[in-house]
Amino acid sequence: MNEQQRKEMNQINQGDAADRKSGQDKPLQDKTSEDFAKYFETTYEPPNLNKARKRGRDKVNVHYDFGIPEDINNIGVGKKFLIRTYGCQMNEHDTEVMAGILTELGYESTNTTEDADIILLNTCAIRENAENKVFGEIGHLKPLKLEKPDLILGVCGCMSQEESVVNRILKKHPQIDLIFGTHNIHRLPHLIKESLFGKAKVVEVWSKEGDIIENLPKVRKGKIKAWVNIMYGCDKFCTYCIVPMTRGKERSRRPEDIIQEVRHLAAQGYQEITLLGQNVNAYGKDLEGITYGLGELMDDIHKVDIPRVRFTTSHPRDFDDHLIEVLAQGGNLLDHIHLPVQSGSSEVLKLMNRKYTREQYLELVAKIRKAMPNATMTTDIIVGFPNETEEQFEETMTLMEEVGFEAAYTYIYSPRDGTPAAKKEDNVPMDVKKQRLYRLNDLVNKQSAESMKRLENTVVNVLVEGESKRNPDVLAGYTEKNKLVNFKGPESSIGKIVEVKITEAKTWSLNGIMVENTVGVN
C-alpha cells in the first residue's frame, strides 16, 4: 500500500541539575543499564528473543476491580488531555482505554496541543520510521513545555518497552515527565498523581506482562464501529519483529467477558466490531480447562445481533479448518480476510521464521476460496529482507498475482534492535529496496483498481461513517469487503447501512448514488 492509498483510506472525518536524581551524583550521560533498572518493576533487560522463546506459561490473573482512588478523584476537573497515537489497531484500542481513564479522572479531551494539560504519545516500535516520528514530535513539544512548565508530557506504548528508548529519553529529552509501557496502562491514575505531586520524572515500565484488567473504562471513537480486544501478546517470534517483547506472551480474555462486551456494544447500537489481537487467531490456546479458539468465539458472536464482525490480524499458521467453516456461514461474519504473507519466497519465509512455505500459504488460500468463493483477500508484504534476491522478490510478485490480493500494506524492511534479523547484514541496497517497493506498489495498485472496476454498476451495502474529509457535502463509508465508498445522501444515513449503486471506480475508492431503500438498520 502506497501513500496515495493510505490517504484515500483515511478520508472519513471521524546535563544540568535537572538531569540528576535526588541523592545521585552520576550524570545521566555516564549511566549504564544497571542504573536505569530501578525504574522498572523487575530488573529490566534489553529485548532477548532467545530468552523470550523459553518464557513459561505463568498464570495470568483476571481482575474486575479497577477504580479511581478516592484521593485523586476529579483530579483532572477543569483540565484537558491530548493523546497522539502511532501504529496498529491495538495502539488505537489502548488509546481508547487511556482516554477512558483520563475522562474518569475529570479531564476533557482536546485536539489542540496548546489547550492540553497532559499530552501522551502512544508509540509504535515495529519500524524505525515510526520511532523517528515520535522523537520528532518530542522535539516539537519542547517549546510548549518551556512555555507551560506544568504541562505533563508522557511517552507510552511499545517504544517505552525498549530499554534503549527509555535511556535515550532520559538522557536527551528532559521535557518528558512520564514514561510507562504496554502492561501497566491501568496504573495511569497513580502515575499521573506521582507526576503532578512529585519532583522527579515518573518512569514505570513492567518487563513482566500485566494481568488482564476487565473493567477498564473506554472512550471509543464514534458510535458506529468499535474495537474489541480478545487477546494480548504474540508467541510467533518472527525474526524481524519486536512485538513478542513489547507486547509479551499470548494471553486470552475469557470468552464470556468478550461476548458480554460485544452484546453491550450491540445494545448501544454499534453496527460493526473488529476483534483485535497481535495474533488474533491464536486466541484461546492458553485458556485452561476448555477447548475454545477463534472459530468457537466467532460462532458465538455470529448469534449476537450486530450487523458486521471482522477480526485482525491473523497468522497463516493458526488459520484452521474450523475457523474457515465458521466464517463460511456468512451473515454478520464478513468474508474480507486479511492474511499477512510477508514474502512469496519459501526461502525468505524460512529466514523470517514464519514457519510456513509458499505452497502451504497457497493451500490455505485455496481452502478459503473453496469455502468462501467471493472472499476478498488482503495482505502485508516486506521487501528487501536481508539476503532477498531478485528471484525471491519476483516470487512475491507472482504470489501477489496468483492469490489476487485486492490490497496490501507494503513495507521496506527495517531492522529492529533486539531481533535476530537485526544481527544479519542489511545487504540489500536501499535503492534496490525502493525500486522493488515501487514495482510491488504498481502491481498492488493495478489489482486494486481491477477489483474496484468490477463493482461499477453494482449495488453495494455501505456502513455510513460520516462526511468525507475532502468534501463535507459527500458521505463516506465502507462495504462488507472494506471498500471505501463516497456518495451524496442525507445526514440521517450516518450510522446506518445503506444501498449505494457504484457509478465510478477509482484505484482505492468508489463513487456512487444512494439507493432509496436501506438495509440492515437496527
Protein backbone atom coordinates (compact mmCIF):
# COMPACT_ATOMS: atom_id res chain seq x y z
CA MET A 1 0.00 0.00 0.00
CA ASN A 2 1.46 3.34 -1.01
CA GLU A 3 0.94 6.79 0.49
CA GLN A 4 -1.84 7.57 -2.00
CA GLN A 5 -3.81 4.57 -0.79
CA ARG A 6 -3.30 5.50 2.87
CA LYS A 7 -4.74 8.96 2.16
CA GLU A 8 -7.68 7.50 0.26
CA MET A 9 -8.44 5.07 3.09
CA ASN A 10 -8.47 7.87 5.65
CA GLN A 11 -10.97 10.27 4.09
CA ILE A 12 -13.74 9.99 6.64
CA ASN A 13 -13.92 12.76 9.18
CA GLN A 14 -14.38 10.94 12.28
CA GLY A 15 23.39 17.64 31.71
CA ASP A 16 22.40 20.14 34.47
CA ALA A 17 20.80 19.68 37.86
CA ALA A 18 17.54 18.78 36.22
CA ASP A 19 19.27 15.74 34.74
CA ARG A 20 20.15 14.28 38.11
CA LYS A 21 18.07 12.34 40.60
CA SER A 22 17.97 13.17 44.30
CA GLY A 23 20.84 11.52 46.17
CA GLN A 24 22.75 10.62 42.99
CA ASP A 25 25.91 12.24 41.72
CA LYS A 26 26.31 10.39 38.43
CA PRO A 27 25.31 12.43 35.33
CA LEU A 28 22.80 10.77 33.02
CA GLN A 29 25.29 10.52 30.19
CA ASP A 30 27.51 8.31 32.36
CA LYS A 31 24.80 5.89 33.45
CA THR A 32 24.55 2.28 32.33
CA SER A 33 21.62 -0.14 32.09
CA GLU A 34 22.14 -1.10 35.74
CA ASP A 35 21.47 2.50 36.78
CA PHE A 36 18.20 2.55 34.87
CA ALA A 37 16.98 -0.79 36.27
CA LYS A 38 15.47 0.95 39.29
CA TYR A 39 12.81 2.48 37.05
CA PHE A 40 11.36 -0.91 36.22
CA GLU A 41 9.13 -3.19 38.28
CA THR A 42 11.58 -6.05 37.73
CA THR A 43 15.22 -5.96 36.70
CA TYR A 44 14.99 -4.83 33.11
CA GLU A 45 16.91 -6.38 30.25
CA PRO A 46 17.15 -5.44 26.58
CA PRO A 47 14.83 -7.43 24.29
CA ASN A 48 16.11 -11.01 24.07
CA LEU A 49 14.31 -13.36 21.69
CA ASN A 50 16.15 -16.46 22.92
CA LYS A 51 15.00 -15.85 26.48
CA ALA A 52 11.55 -14.84 25.31
CA ARG A 53 11.15 -18.16 23.46
CA LYS A 54 11.79 -20.00 26.72
CA ARG A 55 9.35 -17.96 28.76
CA GLY A 56 6.95 -20.00 30.80
CA ARG A 57 3.19 -20.04 30.92
CA ASP A 58 2.91 -18.15 34.18
CA LYS A 59 -0.65 -17.89 35.42
CA VAL A 60 -2.35 -14.73 34.22
CA ASN A 61 -4.87 -13.37 36.69
CA VAL A 62 -8.06 -11.62 35.57
CA HIS A 63 -9.20 -8.61 37.59
CA TYR A 64 -12.55 -6.85 37.70
CA ASP A 65 -11.72 -4.29 40.38
CA PHE A 66 -10.29 -1.26 38.53
CA GLY A 67 -11.29 2.02 40.12
CA ILE A 68 -10.11 5.60 40.63
CA PRO A 69 -8.54 6.07 44.09
CA GLU A 70 -10.51 8.47 46.28
CA ASP A 71 -7.56 10.77 46.89
CA ILE A 72 -7.29 11.63 43.17
CA ASN A 73 -10.97 11.54 42.25
CA ASN A 74 -11.73 14.52 39.94
CA ILE A 75 -8.04 15.49 39.86
CA GLY A 76 -8.46 16.46 36.20
CA VAL A 77 -11.54 18.64 36.53
CA GLY A 78 -11.03 21.83 34.55
CA LYS A 79 -8.08 20.33 32.64
CA LYS A 80 -7.70 18.82 29.18
CA PHE A 81 -5.80 15.88 27.65
CA LEU A 82 -4.50 15.00 24.20
CA ILE A 83 -3.32 11.54 23.12
CA ARG A 84 -1.41 11.10 19.86
CA THR A 85 -1.49 7.53 18.60
CA TYR A 86 1.06 5.82 16.36
CA GLY A 87 0.96 2.30 14.95
CA CYS A 88 -1.56 -0.52 14.89
CA GLN A 89 -5.17 -1.01 15.91
CA MET A 90 -4.00 -2.33 19.28
CA ASN A 91 -2.48 1.06 19.98
CA GLU A 92 -5.75 2.70 18.94
CA HIS A 93 -7.56 0.46 21.41
CA ASP A 94 -5.06 1.30 24.18
CA THR A 95 -5.69 4.99 23.46
CA GLU A 96 -9.41 4.43 23.96
CA VAL A 97 -8.66 2.91 27.37
CA MET A 98 -6.34 5.75 28.40
CA ALA A 99 -8.92 8.29 27.24
CA GLY A 100 -11.49 6.48 29.36
CA ILE A 101 -9.27 6.61 32.44
CA LEU A 102 -8.45 10.30 31.95
CA THR A 103 -12.14 11.09 31.47
CA GLU A 104 -12.98 9.34 34.73
CA LEU A 105 -10.31 11.47 36.40
CA GLY A 106 -12.21 14.54 35.23
CA TYR A 107 -10.11 15.54 32.22
CA GLU A 108 -11.73 16.65 28.95
CA SER A 109 -10.40 15.76 25.51
CA THR A 110 -8.88 18.37 23.20
CA ASN A 111 -7.35 18.27 19.71
CA THR A 112 -5.12 21.29 20.33
CA THR A 113 -1.71 20.94 21.96
CA GLU A 114 -1.82 24.50 23.28
CA ASP A 115 -5.00 23.72 25.26
CA ALA A 116 -3.76 20.45 26.75
CA ASP A 117 -2.66 19.98 30.35
CA ILE A 118 -1.45 16.45 29.65
CA ILE A 119 -0.15 15.10 26.33
CA LEU A 120 0.55 11.40 25.86
CA LEU A 121 2.38 9.93 22.86
CA ASN A 122 1.17 6.33 22.44
CA THR A 123 4.02 4.88 20.42
CA CYS A 124 4.80 2.10 17.97
CA ALA A 125 8.12 0.23 17.83
CA ILE A 126 7.59 -2.01 14.83
CA ARG A 127 9.52 0.14 12.33
CA GLU A 128 12.29 2.70 12.53
CA ASN A 129 10.19 5.32 10.74
CA ALA A 130 7.55 5.11 13.48
CA GLU A 131 10.16 5.76 16.17
CA ASN A 132 11.62 8.68 14.22
CA LYS A 133 8.19 10.31 14.04
CA VAL A 134 7.81 10.06 17.81
CA PHE A 135 11.22 11.56 18.56
CA GLY A 136 10.44 14.32 16.07
CA GLU A 137 7.21 15.08 17.92
CA ILE A 138 9.04 15.05 21.27
CA GLY A 139 11.33 17.73 19.87
CA HIS A 140 8.41 19.80 18.58
CA LEU A 141 6.77 19.74 22.01
CA LYS A 142 9.81 21.11 23.85
CA PRO A 143 8.97 24.82 23.29
CA LEU A 144 5.42 24.19 24.56
CA LYS A 145 6.81 22.58 27.72
CA LEU A 146 9.08 25.59 28.28
CA GLU A 147 6.07 27.87 27.85
CA LYS A 148 3.84 25.71 30.10
CA PRO A 149 6.06 24.06 32.74
CA ASP A 150 3.05 22.46 34.46
CA LEU A 151 2.15 20.59 31.27
CA ILE A 152 2.63 16.81 31.68
CA LEU A 153 4.33 15.21 28.65
CA GLY A 154 4.25 11.42 28.57
CA VAL A 155 5.56 8.65 26.33
CA CYS A 156 3.83 5.28 26.50
CA GLY A 157 3.18 2.24 24.31
CA CYS A 158 5.57 -0.15 22.60
CA MET A 159 8.60 2.16 22.34
CA SER A 160 8.58 2.52 26.12
CA GLN A 161 9.14 -1.24 26.44
CA GLU A 162 12.56 -0.84 24.80
CA GLU A 163 15.46 -0.12 27.13
CA SER A 164 17.36 1.89 24.52
CA VAL A 165 14.37 4.19 24.01
CA VAL A 166 13.90 4.84 27.72
CA ASN A 167 17.61 5.56 28.12
CA ARG A 168 17.56 7.96 25.17
CA ILE A 169 14.56 9.87 26.51
CA LEU A 170 16.03 10.17 29.99
CA LYS A 171 19.38 11.37 28.66
CA LYS A 172 18.33 13.68 25.84
CA HIS A 173 14.73 14.78 26.37
CA PRO A 174 14.29 16.33 29.84
CA GLN A 175 10.92 17.77 28.78
CA ILE A 176 9.34 14.30 29.14
CA ASP A 177 7.74 13.87 32.58
CA LEU A 178 6.17 10.42 32.35
CA ILE A 179 7.15 7.10 30.76
CA PHE A 180 5.14 3.88 31.00
CA GLY A 181 4.69 0.76 28.88
CA THR A 182 2.05 -1.56 27.47
CA HIS A 183 1.48 -3.76 30.52
CA ASN A 184 0.58 -1.16 33.15
CA ILE A 185 -1.94 1.16 31.49
CA HIS A 186 -4.32 0.53 34.39
CA ARG A 187 -1.75 2.25 36.63
CA LEU A 188 -2.24 5.58 34.80
CA PRO A 189 -4.13 7.32 37.66
CA HIS A 190 -1.29 6.59 40.09
CA LEU A 191 1.35 7.65 37.59
CA ILE A 192 -0.38 10.97 36.93
CA LYS A 193 -0.62 11.56 40.67
CA GLU A 194 3.12 10.96 41.05
CA SER A 195 3.84 13.24 38.11
CA LEU A 196 1.66 16.04 39.47
CA PHE A 197 2.96 15.98 43.02
CA GLY A 198 6.47 14.55 42.65
CA LYS A 199 9.58 16.42 41.66
CA ALA A 200 11.28 13.72 39.61
CA LYS A 201 10.35 12.07 36.32
CA VAL A 202 7.92 9.20 36.65
CA VAL A 203 9.14 6.07 34.87
CA GLU A 204 7.35 2.75 35.34
CA VAL A 205 7.84 0.02 32.77
CA TRP A 206 6.96 -3.58 33.56
CA SER A 207 9.12 -6.23 31.93
CA LYS A 208 6.64 -8.90 33.04
CA GLU A 209 3.33 -8.93 31.24
CA GLY A 210 0.50 -7.46 33.23
CA ASP A 211 -2.60 -9.35 34.21
CA ILE A 212 -5.88 -8.87 32.36
CA ILE A 213 -7.95 -5.98 33.71
CA GLU A 214 -11.54 -6.38 32.54
CA ASN A 215 -13.39 -3.31 33.75
CA LEU A 216 -11.18 -0.56 32.35
CA PRO A 217 -13.18 2.42 31.05
CA LYS A 218 -13.04 3.29 27.35
CA VAL A 219 -13.83 6.34 25.27
CA ARG A 220 -14.47 4.92 21.82
CA LYS A 221 -14.25 6.89 18.60
CA GLY A 222 -17.81 7.36 17.45
CA LYS A 223 -20.84 5.15 17.99
CA ILE A 224 -20.71 3.16 14.76
CA LYS A 225 -17.61 0.92 14.78
CA ALA A 226 -15.74 -0.49 17.76
CA TRP A 227 -12.52 -2.37 18.52
CA VAL A 228 -12.87 -5.38 20.84
CA ASN A 229 -9.59 -6.75 22.12
CA ILE A 230 -9.75 -10.53 22.60
CA MET A 231 -6.11 -11.29 23.44
CA TYR A 232 -2.74 -9.72 24.13
CA GLY A 233 0.81 -10.55 23.05
CA CYS A 234 2.36 -12.85 20.46
CA ASP A 235 4.40 -16.07 20.61
CA LYS A 236 5.32 -16.38 16.92
CA PHE A 237 8.82 -14.81 17.11
CA CYS A 238 9.23 -13.73 13.51
CA THR A 239 12.88 -12.77 13.22
CA TYR A 240 12.16 -9.18 12.14
CA CYS A 241 9.53 -8.41 14.79
CA ILE A 242 9.87 -6.75 18.22
CA VAL A 243 6.22 -7.35 19.24
CA PRO A 244 6.86 -10.51 21.35
CA MET A 245 8.98 -8.32 23.63
CA THR A 246 6.93 -5.11 23.62
CA ARG A 247 3.58 -6.88 23.99
CA GLY A 248 4.66 -10.06 25.77
CA LYS A 249 3.35 -13.60 25.68
CA GLU A 250 -0.07 -14.53 24.37
CA ARG A 251 -2.86 -14.02 26.91
CA SER A 252 -6.51 -14.60 26.00
CA ARG A 253 -9.50 -12.91 27.57
CA ARG A 254 -12.25 -15.18 28.86
CA PRO A 255 -14.94 -15.91 26.25
CA GLU A 256 -17.80 -14.77 28.49
CA ASP A 257 -16.15 -11.36 29.01
CA ILE A 258 -15.68 -10.83 25.28
CA ILE A 259 -19.23 -11.90 24.41
CA GLN A 260 -20.64 -9.67 27.14
CA GLU A 261 -18.73 -6.69 25.69
CA VAL A 262 -20.00 -7.47 22.18
CA ARG A 263 -23.59 -7.74 23.42
CA HIS A 264 -23.21 -4.43 25.24
CA LEU A 265 -21.96 -2.77 22.04
CA ALA A 266 -24.87 -4.25 20.08
CA ALA A 267 -27.30 -2.89 22.65
CA GLN A 268 -25.73 0.55 22.23
CA GLY A 269 -26.41 0.44 18.50
CA TYR A 270 -22.90 -0.24 17.15
CA GLN A 271 -23.03 -1.56 13.60
CA GLU A 272 -19.58 -3.15 13.33
CA ILE A 273 -16.96 -4.62 15.63
CA THR A 274 -13.40 -5.73 14.89
CA LEU A 275 -11.88 -8.39 17.14
CA LEU A 276 -8.27 -7.47 17.87
CA GLY A 277 -5.13 -9.39 18.71
CA GLN A 278 -1.47 -9.23 17.77
CA ASN A 279 -2.06 -12.76 16.50
CA VAL A 280 -5.83 -12.88 16.74
CA ASN A 281 -6.41 -16.43 15.51
CA ALA A 282 -4.12 -17.86 18.22
CA TYR A 283 -6.92 -16.87 20.59
CA GLY A 284 -7.80 -19.45 23.22
CA LYS A 285 -4.68 -21.61 23.02
CA ASP A 286 -3.69 -20.54 26.54
CA LEU A 287 -7.15 -20.93 28.10
CA GLU A 288 -7.10 -23.62 30.75
CA GLY A 289 -9.76 -26.28 31.09
CA ILE A 290 -11.57 -25.61 27.80
CA THR A 291 -11.02 -26.14 24.08
CA TYR A 292 -12.14 -22.80 22.67
CA GLY A 293 -10.48 -20.92 19.84
CA LEU A 294 -11.30 -18.10 17.45
CA GLY A 295 -13.64 -20.36 15.49
CA GLU A 296 -15.73 -21.07 18.57
CA LEU A 297 -15.71 -17.38 19.55
CA MET A 298 -16.79 -16.25 16.07
CA ASP A 299 -19.53 -18.90 16.09
CA ASP A 300 -20.90 -17.50 19.36
CA ILE A 301 -20.64 -13.88 18.18
CA HIS A 302 -22.40 -14.91 14.98
CA LYS A 303 -25.53 -15.27 17.16
CA VAL A 304 -25.28 -11.72 18.54
CA ASP A 305 -27.47 -9.10 16.86
CA ILE A 306 -24.73 -6.89 15.45
CA PRO A 307 -24.58 -6.38 11.65
CA ARG A 308 -20.86 -6.74 10.98
CA VAL A 309 -17.99 -8.66 12.62
CA ARG A 310 -14.36 -8.53 11.49
CA PHE A 311 -11.05 -9.64 13.02
CA THR A 312 -7.40 -8.68 12.62
CA THR A 313 -4.56 -9.55 12.41
CA SER A 314 -4.36 -13.26 11.67
CA HIS A 315 -1.38 -15.56 11.12
CA PRO A 316 -1.47 -18.22 8.38
CA ARG A 317 -0.21 -20.91 10.79
CA ASP A 318 -3.26 -20.52 13.04
CA PHE A 319 -5.93 -20.20 10.34
CA ASP A 320 -7.53 -23.61 10.91
CA ASP A 321 -10.29 -25.50 9.11
CA HIS A 322 -12.85 -24.88 11.84
CA LEU A 323 -12.38 -21.11 11.59
CA ILE A 324 -12.90 -21.29 7.82
CA GLU A 325 -16.03 -23.41 8.32
CA VAL A 326 -17.48 -20.88 10.80
CA LEU A 327 -16.68 -17.87 8.59
CA ALA A 328 -18.35 -19.58 5.64
CA GLN A 329 -21.69 -19.25 7.46
CA GLY A 330 -21.71 -15.62 6.36
CA GLY A 331 -24.33 -13.41 7.92
CA ASN A 332 -22.62 -10.89 10.15
CA LEU A 333 -19.26 -12.70 9.75
CA LEU A 334 -17.64 -10.82 6.86
CA ASP A 335 -15.63 -12.51 4.13
CA HIS A 336 -12.85 -9.93 4.00
CA ILE A 337 -9.76 -11.89 5.05
CA HIS A 338 -6.55 -10.01 5.89
CA LEU A 339 -3.84 -12.68 5.86
CA PRO A 340 -0.25 -11.33 6.05
CA VAL A 341 2.13 -13.36 3.90
CA GLN A 342 5.23 -11.07 4.19
CA SER A 343 7.05 -12.79 1.30
CA GLY A 344 6.27 -15.08 -1.63
CA SER A 345 9.57 -16.94 -1.29
CA SER A 346 9.80 -20.06 0.88
CA GLU A 347 13.50 -19.35 1.48
CA VAL A 348 12.79 -15.81 2.74
CA LEU A 349 9.85 -17.05 4.81
CA LYS A 350 12.23 -19.50 6.49
CA LEU A 351 14.66 -16.68 7.28
CA MET A 352 11.72 -14.73 8.71
CA ASN A 353 10.75 -17.73 10.91
CA ARG A 354 7.20 -17.62 9.56
CA LYS A 355 7.07 -21.46 9.67
CA TYR A 356 5.06 -21.97 6.52
CA THR A 357 6.09 -22.22 2.88
CA ARG A 358 4.75 -20.51 -0.22
CA GLU A 359 2.99 -23.75 -1.12
CA GLN A 360 1.35 -24.06 2.30
CA TYR A 361 0.12 -20.48 2.12
CA LEU A 362 -1.40 -21.10 -1.30
CA GLU A 363 -3.06 -24.28 0.01
CA LEU A 364 -4.65 -22.22 2.79
CA VAL A 365 -5.87 -19.61 0.31
CA ALA A 366 -7.38 -22.40 -1.80
CA LYS A 367 -9.29 -23.70 1.25
CA ILE A 368 -10.62 -20.22 1.99
CA ARG A 369 -11.63 -19.69 -1.65
CA LYS A 370 -13.43 -23.05 -1.75
CA ALA A 371 -15.45 -22.25 1.38
CA MET A 372 -15.95 -18.55 0.52
CA PRO A 373 -15.69 -18.12 -3.28
CA ASN A 374 -16.31 -14.37 -3.13
CA ALA A 375 -13.92 -13.64 -0.27
CA THR A 376 -11.72 -10.55 -0.57
CA MET A 377 -8.07 -11.24 0.31
CA THR A 378 -5.61 -8.58 1.52
CA THR A 379 -2.12 -8.94 2.97
CA ASP A 380 1.12 -7.45 4.35
CA ILE A 381 4.42 -7.69 2.46
CA ILE A 382 8.01 -6.78 3.39
CA VAL A 383 10.56 -6.14 0.61
CA GLY A 384 14.31 -6.02 0.94
CA PHE A 385 14.68 -8.53 3.79
CA PRO A 386 18.37 -9.42 4.34
CA ASN A 387 19.67 -11.68 1.55
CA GLU A 388 16.49 -11.31 -0.54
CA THR A 389 17.48 -11.91 -4.16
CA GLU A 390 15.81 -10.56 -7.27
CA GLU A 391 14.43 -14.04 -7.99
CA GLN A 392 12.94 -14.26 -4.49
CA PHE A 393 11.33 -10.85 -4.87
CA GLU A 394 9.83 -12.00 -8.19
CA GLU A 395 8.26 -14.90 -6.28
CA THR A 396 6.47 -12.32 -4.14
CA MET A 397 5.21 -10.60 -7.28
CA THR A 398 3.88 -13.85 -8.75
CA LEU A 399 2.24 -14.79 -5.44
CA MET A 400 0.54 -11.39 -5.41
CA GLU A 401 -0.95 -12.17 -8.83
CA GLU A 402 -1.77 -15.81 -8.10
CA VAL A 403 -3.74 -15.03 -4.93
CA GLY A 404 -5.32 -11.93 -6.47
CA PHE A 405 -4.88 -9.72 -3.41
CA GLU A 406 -7.10 -6.66 -3.70
CA ALA A 407 -4.94 -4.57 -1.38
CA ALA A 408 -1.67 -4.87 0.52
CA TYR A 409 0.24 -2.97 3.16
CA THR A 410 3.77 -2.88 1.76
CA TYR A 411 6.96 -2.01 3.63
CA ILE A 412 10.69 -1.76 3.16
CA TYR A 413 12.48 -3.96 5.69
CA SER A 414 13.60 -2.01 8.74
CA PRO A 415 15.93 -3.69 11.28
CA ARG A 416 14.76 -3.55 14.90
CA ASP A 417 17.30 -3.76 17.72
CA GLY A 418 16.96 -6.95 19.73
CA THR A 419 15.63 -9.11 16.89
CA PRO A 420 17.62 -11.90 15.16
CA ALA A 421 17.21 -10.23 11.76
CA ALA A 422 18.94 -7.10 13.07
CA LYS A 423 22.09 -9.18 13.55
CA LYS A 424 22.15 -10.05 9.86
CA GLU A 425 23.88 -7.78 7.39
CA ASP A 426 21.28 -5.47 5.86
CA ASN A 427 22.79 -6.25 2.48
CA VAL A 428 20.03 -5.21 0.07
CA PRO A 429 20.92 -1.67 -1.06
CA MET A 430 18.32 0.98 -0.28
CA ASP A 431 17.93 1.95 -3.93
CA VAL A 432 17.14 -1.71 -4.71
CA LYS A 433 14.63 -1.86 -1.84
CA LYS A 434 12.89 1.28 -3.08
CA GLN A 435 12.80 0.04 -6.65
CA ARG A 436 11.24 -3.25 -5.54
CA LEU A 437 8.70 -1.40 -3.42
CA TYR A 438 7.74 0.80 -6.40
CA ARG A 439 7.26 -2.26 -8.60
CA LEU A 440 5.22 -4.05 -5.94
CA ASN A 441 3.04 -1.00 -5.33
CA ASP A 442 2.40 -0.66 -9.06
CA LEU A 443 1.08 -4.24 -9.03
CA VAL A 444 -0.95 -3.63 -5.86
CA ASN A 445 -2.49 -0.52 -7.43
CA LYS A 446 -3.29 -2.42 -10.62
CA GLN A 447 -5.02 -5.27 -8.80
CA SER A 448 -6.89 -2.88 -6.51
CA ALA A 449 -8.13 -0.85 -9.49
CA GLU A 450 -9.28 -4.03 -11.25
CA SER A 451 -11.20 -5.19 -8.18
CA MET A 452 -12.84 -1.78 -7.90
CA LYS A 453 -13.72 -1.73 -11.62
CA ARG A 454 -15.69 -4.96 -11.21
CA LEU A 455 -18.03 -3.14 -8.81
CA GLU A 456 -19.13 -0.49 -11.30
CA ASN A 457 -22.90 -0.58 -11.94
CA THR A 458 -23.44 -2.90 -8.98
CA VAL A 459 -25.28 -2.12 -5.73
CA VAL A 460 -23.26 -2.48 -2.53
CA ASN A 461 -24.13 -2.17 1.16
CA VAL A 462 -22.28 0.71 2.79
CA LEU A 463 -21.93 1.39 6.51
CA VAL A 464 -22.02 5.19 6.53
CA GLU A 465 -19.44 6.61 8.93
CA GLY A 466 -19.67 10.35 8.29
CA GLU A 467 -18.77 13.15 5.94
CA SER A 468 -15.86 12.87 3.56
CA LYS A 469 -12.86 14.86 4.77
CA ARG A 470 -12.41 16.20 1.25
CA ASN A 471 -16.00 17.30 0.72
CA PRO A 472 -18.49 17.87 3.57
CA ASP A 473 -21.36 17.55 1.09
CA VAL A 474 -20.37 13.93 0.44
CA LEU A 475 -20.90 10.98 2.78
CA ALA A 476 -18.41 8.13 3.09
CA GLY A 477 -18.39 4.61 4.42
CA TYR A 478 -17.22 1.06 3.82
CA THR A 479 -18.65 -2.07 2.23
CA GLU A 480 -18.51 -5.53 3.84
CA LYS A 481 -15.29 -6.08 1.88
CA ASN A 482 -13.77 -2.88 3.31
CA LYS A 483 -14.05 -0.81 0.13
CA LEU A 484 -14.34 2.95 0.65
CA VAL A 485 -17.45 4.46 -0.97
CA ASN A 486 -18.25 8.17 -1.42
CA PHE A 487 -21.79 9.28 -2.27
CA LYS A 488 -24.32 12.03 -1.66
CA GLY A 489 -27.09 11.36 0.81
CA PRO A 490 -28.91 12.71 3.87
CA GLU A 491 -27.06 13.12 7.17
CA SER A 492 -29.66 10.82 8.68
CA SER A 493 -27.87 7.97 6.86
CA ILE A 494 -24.82 8.28 9.13
CA GLY A 495 -24.59 5.22 11.35
CA LYS A 496 -26.78 3.13 9.07
CA ILE A 497 -26.13 0.55 6.39
CA VAL A 498 -27.49 1.80 3.06
CA GLU A 499 -27.54 0.61 -0.53
CA VAL A 500 -25.34 2.53 -2.97
CA LYS A 501 -25.11 1.99 -6.72
CA ILE A 502 -21.49 2.36 -7.85
CA THR A 503 -21.08 4.81 -10.72
CA GLU A 504 -17.30 5.27 -10.79
CA ALA A 505 -14.38 3.14 -9.66
CA LYS A 506 -11.03 4.61 -8.65
CA THR A 507 -7.89 2.82 -7.51
CA TRP A 508 -8.68 2.93 -3.79
CA SER A 509 -12.25 4.23 -3.57
CA LEU A 510 -15.65 4.15 -5.22
CA ASN A 511 -18.20 6.83 -6.08
CA GLY A 512 -21.88 6.09 -6.14
CA ILE A 513 -25.52 7.12 -5.83
CA MET A 514 -27.60 6.19 -2.81
CA VAL A 515 -30.48 3.81 -3.49
CA GLU A 516 -33.72 4.73 -1.73
CA ASN A 517 -34.01 1.62 0.45
CA THR A 518 -31.66 1.00 3.37
CA VAL A 519 -30.67 -2.40 4.70
CA GLY A 520 -29.54 -3.87 7.96
CA VAL A 521 -30.74 -0.93 10.03
CA ASN A 522 -31.27 -1.60 13.72
